[in-house]
Each structure stands twice: as C-alpha cells, then as structure tokens.
N, C-alpha and C. Protein backbone atom coordinates (compact mmCIF):
# COMPACT_ATOMS: atom_id res chain seq x y z
N MET A 1 -10.91 -14.24 -9.93
CA MET A 1 -9.91 -15.00 -9.19
C MET A 1 -9.11 -15.84 -10.18
N PRO A 2 -7.78 -15.80 -10.06
CA PRO A 2 -6.96 -16.60 -10.99
C PRO A 2 -7.21 -18.09 -10.84
N SER A 3 -7.00 -18.79 -11.93
CA SER A 3 -7.11 -20.24 -11.93
C SER A 3 -5.71 -20.81 -12.16
N TYR A 4 -5.31 -21.77 -11.32
CA TYR A 4 -3.97 -22.33 -11.39
C TYR A 4 -4.02 -23.80 -11.78
N SER A 5 -3.04 -24.22 -12.57
CA SER A 5 -2.95 -25.62 -12.97
C SER A 5 -2.56 -26.46 -11.76
N PRO A 6 -2.88 -27.75 -11.79
CA PRO A 6 -2.46 -28.63 -10.69
C PRO A 6 -0.95 -28.61 -10.49
N GLU A 7 -0.20 -28.50 -11.58
CA GLU A 7 1.26 -28.47 -11.48
C GLU A 7 1.74 -27.21 -10.76
N LEU A 8 1.13 -26.07 -11.07
CA LEU A 8 1.52 -24.84 -10.40
C LEU A 8 1.13 -24.88 -8.93
N ILE A 9 -0.01 -25.42 -8.63
CA ILE A 9 -0.43 -25.55 -7.23
C ILE A 9 0.58 -26.40 -6.46
N GLN A 10 1.02 -27.48 -7.08
CA GLN A 10 2.01 -28.35 -6.44
C GLN A 10 3.33 -27.58 -6.24
N THR A 11 3.72 -26.79 -7.22
CA THR A 11 4.94 -25.99 -7.11
C THR A 11 4.80 -24.94 -6.01
N MET A 12 3.64 -24.29 -5.93
CA MET A 12 3.41 -23.30 -4.88
C MET A 12 3.47 -23.95 -3.50
N ARG A 13 2.87 -25.12 -3.38
CA ARG A 13 2.87 -25.85 -2.10
C ARG A 13 4.31 -26.21 -1.70
N ALA A 14 5.09 -26.68 -2.66
CA ALA A 14 6.48 -27.04 -2.38
C ALA A 14 7.28 -25.81 -1.96
N ALA A 15 7.06 -24.69 -2.62
CA ALA A 15 7.75 -23.44 -2.25
C ALA A 15 7.36 -23.01 -0.84
N LEU A 16 6.10 -23.14 -0.50
CA LEU A 16 5.64 -22.78 0.85
C LEU A 16 6.29 -23.70 1.89
N ASP A 17 6.31 -24.99 1.62
CA ASP A 17 6.94 -25.93 2.56
C ASP A 17 8.41 -25.57 2.76
N GLU A 18 9.09 -25.25 1.67
CA GLU A 18 10.52 -24.92 1.76
C GLU A 18 10.74 -23.61 2.52
N VAL A 19 9.97 -22.58 2.23
CA VAL A 19 10.18 -21.30 2.90
C VAL A 19 9.90 -21.43 4.39
N MET A 20 8.98 -22.29 4.76
CA MET A 20 8.69 -22.48 6.18
C MET A 20 9.85 -23.13 6.92
N THR A 21 10.71 -23.86 6.22
CA THR A 21 11.89 -24.44 6.88
C THR A 21 12.93 -23.37 7.20
N LYS A 22 12.80 -22.20 6.61
CA LYS A 22 13.74 -21.10 6.83
C LYS A 22 13.32 -20.20 8.00
N ILE A 23 12.16 -20.49 8.57
CA ILE A 23 11.63 -19.68 9.66
C ILE A 23 11.87 -20.43 10.97
N PRO A 24 12.41 -19.75 11.98
CA PRO A 24 12.65 -20.42 13.26
C PRO A 24 11.38 -21.09 13.79
N MET A 25 11.56 -22.29 14.34
CA MET A 25 10.41 -23.09 14.81
C MET A 25 9.49 -22.31 15.74
N ASP A 26 10.06 -21.52 16.65
CA ASP A 26 9.23 -20.81 17.61
C ASP A 26 8.44 -19.66 16.98
N GLN A 27 8.75 -19.34 15.73
CA GLN A 27 8.03 -18.27 15.03
C GLN A 27 7.18 -18.79 13.87
N ALA A 28 7.23 -20.07 13.62
CA ALA A 28 6.52 -20.66 12.48
C ALA A 28 5.05 -20.92 12.86
N THR A 29 4.32 -19.84 13.03
CA THR A 29 2.91 -19.92 13.43
C THR A 29 2.01 -20.05 12.20
N PRO A 30 0.77 -20.44 12.41
CA PRO A 30 -0.18 -20.47 11.29
C PRO A 30 -0.32 -19.11 10.60
N GLY A 31 -0.23 -18.04 11.37
CA GLY A 31 -0.32 -16.69 10.79
C GLY A 31 0.84 -16.39 9.86
N ILE A 32 2.05 -16.78 10.27
CA ILE A 32 3.24 -16.59 9.43
C ILE A 32 3.10 -17.42 8.16
N LYS A 33 2.65 -18.67 8.32
CA LYS A 33 2.49 -19.55 7.15
C LYS A 33 1.47 -18.96 6.18
N ALA A 34 0.38 -18.44 6.71
CA ALA A 34 -0.64 -17.82 5.85
C ALA A 34 -0.06 -16.62 5.11
N HIS A 35 0.76 -15.84 5.79
CA HIS A 35 1.36 -14.67 5.15
C HIS A 35 2.32 -15.10 4.04
N MET A 36 3.10 -16.14 4.30
CA MET A 36 4.02 -16.66 3.27
C MET A 36 3.23 -17.18 2.07
N ALA A 37 2.14 -17.89 2.35
CA ALA A 37 1.30 -18.41 1.26
C ALA A 37 0.73 -17.26 0.43
N GLU A 38 0.35 -16.20 1.11
CA GLU A 38 -0.18 -15.02 0.41
C GLU A 38 0.86 -14.42 -0.55
N LEU A 39 2.10 -14.35 -0.09
CA LEU A 39 3.17 -13.82 -0.95
C LEU A 39 3.39 -14.71 -2.17
N ILE A 40 3.34 -16.02 -1.97
CA ILE A 40 3.51 -16.96 -3.07
C ILE A 40 2.34 -16.86 -4.05
N LEU A 41 1.14 -16.76 -3.53
CA LEU A 41 -0.04 -16.61 -4.40
C LEU A 41 0.03 -15.31 -5.20
N LYS A 42 0.46 -14.24 -4.56
CA LYS A 42 0.58 -12.96 -5.28
C LYS A 42 1.61 -13.08 -6.40
N ALA A 43 2.74 -13.73 -6.12
CA ALA A 43 3.76 -13.90 -7.15
C ALA A 43 3.22 -14.72 -8.31
N ALA A 44 2.47 -15.76 -8.00
CA ALA A 44 1.88 -16.59 -9.06
C ALA A 44 0.86 -15.78 -9.86
N ALA A 45 0.07 -14.97 -9.18
CA ALA A 45 -0.92 -14.13 -9.88
C ALA A 45 -0.22 -13.11 -10.77
N ASP A 46 1.00 -12.70 -10.39
CA ASP A 46 1.77 -11.76 -11.20
C ASP A 46 2.53 -12.44 -12.33
N GLY A 47 2.35 -13.78 -12.46
CA GLY A 47 2.95 -14.50 -13.58
C GLY A 47 4.14 -15.37 -13.24
N GLN A 48 4.58 -15.34 -11.99
CA GLN A 48 5.71 -16.18 -11.60
C GLN A 48 5.25 -17.64 -11.53
N ALA A 49 5.94 -18.54 -12.20
CA ALA A 49 5.49 -19.93 -12.23
C ALA A 49 6.59 -20.93 -11.89
N THR A 50 7.80 -20.43 -11.62
CA THR A 50 8.89 -21.37 -11.30
C THR A 50 9.02 -21.53 -9.80
N TYR A 51 9.50 -22.69 -9.41
CA TYR A 51 9.75 -22.96 -7.99
C TYR A 51 10.70 -21.92 -7.41
N ALA A 52 11.81 -21.68 -8.10
CA ALA A 52 12.81 -20.73 -7.61
C ALA A 52 12.22 -19.33 -7.46
N GLY A 53 11.44 -18.92 -8.42
CA GLY A 53 10.84 -17.59 -8.37
C GLY A 53 9.83 -17.45 -7.25
N LEU A 54 9.01 -18.47 -7.07
CA LEU A 54 8.01 -18.44 -6.00
C LEU A 54 8.69 -18.48 -4.64
N LEU A 55 9.71 -19.32 -4.52
CA LEU A 55 10.46 -19.41 -3.27
C LEU A 55 11.12 -18.07 -2.94
N ALA A 56 11.71 -17.45 -3.94
CA ALA A 56 12.37 -16.16 -3.73
C ALA A 56 11.36 -15.08 -3.33
N ALA A 57 10.18 -15.11 -3.92
CA ALA A 57 9.16 -14.11 -3.60
C ALA A 57 8.82 -14.13 -2.11
N ALA A 58 8.76 -15.30 -1.53
CA ALA A 58 8.46 -15.42 -0.10
C ALA A 58 9.72 -15.25 0.75
N SER A 59 10.81 -15.88 0.34
CA SER A 59 12.05 -15.83 1.13
C SER A 59 12.55 -14.40 1.31
N ASP A 60 12.41 -13.60 0.27
CA ASP A 60 12.88 -12.22 0.33
C ASP A 60 12.14 -11.39 1.38
N GLN A 61 11.00 -11.87 1.83
CA GLN A 61 10.17 -11.11 2.77
C GLN A 61 10.17 -11.68 4.18
N ILE A 62 10.93 -12.74 4.42
CA ILE A 62 10.89 -13.40 5.74
C ILE A 62 11.17 -12.42 6.87
N GLN A 63 12.25 -11.68 6.79
CA GLN A 63 12.60 -10.77 7.91
C GLN A 63 11.53 -9.72 8.13
N THR A 64 10.99 -9.18 7.06
CA THR A 64 9.94 -8.17 7.18
C THR A 64 8.72 -8.76 7.87
N ILE A 65 8.29 -9.94 7.43
CA ILE A 65 7.10 -10.58 7.99
C ILE A 65 7.32 -10.91 9.47
N LEU A 66 8.48 -11.45 9.79
CA LEU A 66 8.76 -11.80 11.19
C LEU A 66 8.78 -10.57 12.07
N SER A 67 9.34 -9.46 11.59
CA SER A 67 9.38 -8.26 12.41
C SER A 67 7.97 -7.67 12.59
N VAL A 68 7.16 -7.73 11.57
CA VAL A 68 5.78 -7.23 11.68
C VAL A 68 5.00 -8.08 12.68
N HIS A 69 5.12 -9.40 12.56
CA HIS A 69 4.39 -10.28 13.46
C HIS A 69 4.90 -10.21 14.90
N SER A 70 6.20 -10.02 15.08
CA SER A 70 6.74 -9.98 16.45
C SER A 70 6.41 -8.66 17.16
N SER A 71 6.13 -7.61 16.38
CA SER A 71 5.79 -6.33 16.99
C SER A 71 4.29 -6.09 17.04
N ALA A 72 3.52 -7.07 16.63
CA ALA A 72 2.05 -6.93 16.66
C ALA A 72 1.57 -6.86 18.12
N PRO A 73 0.48 -6.14 18.37
CA PRO A 73 -0.05 -6.07 19.73
C PRO A 73 -0.32 -7.46 20.29
N GLY A 74 -0.02 -7.63 21.56
CA GLY A 74 -0.26 -8.92 22.19
C GLY A 74 0.92 -9.87 22.12
N LYS A 75 1.97 -9.49 21.39
CA LYS A 75 3.18 -10.32 21.28
C LYS A 75 4.19 -9.85 22.31
N GLN A 76 5.09 -10.69 22.72
CA GLN A 76 6.22 -10.45 23.61
C GLN A 76 6.25 -11.43 24.68
C-alpha cells in the first residue's frame, strides 16, 4: 500500500472537497464521494501530486460516475 506525506494527504483532501462542489447536491451521495476519492487516490498512486492534477483526475470522470450511479439497480 502506498504511503503518502501529510502534505499530499492534505492536497488530496482539498481536491476531493473541490470536486464535490462540482456535483449537483441531490447526487452528492457518500457513494459518489467514495468513488471520487478512489479516483484521486489512484492518481496519487500513479505519481500525480499536484492539486490541479488530482482535481483533474476526478473532475474528468464526474459525468461517467454520475451516469453509472444513476443507472444502478434501485435508482430512479
């Protein structure tokens, strides 16, 4: 398991907070937040360490994640 510096953890947290502001309130569920966090963690594990890069890694996937979650069984 990768080990992250306190500074990178703070940057990842800030990127997650920011990307969540881009998701409509009615869709900002814990599951969506967990998925966004997963994308940010994967980007960090792949060597991305900047706020902009981490934010982009999650932001670029917002529509895909929302469509997957909205079409999941039990939704509608």
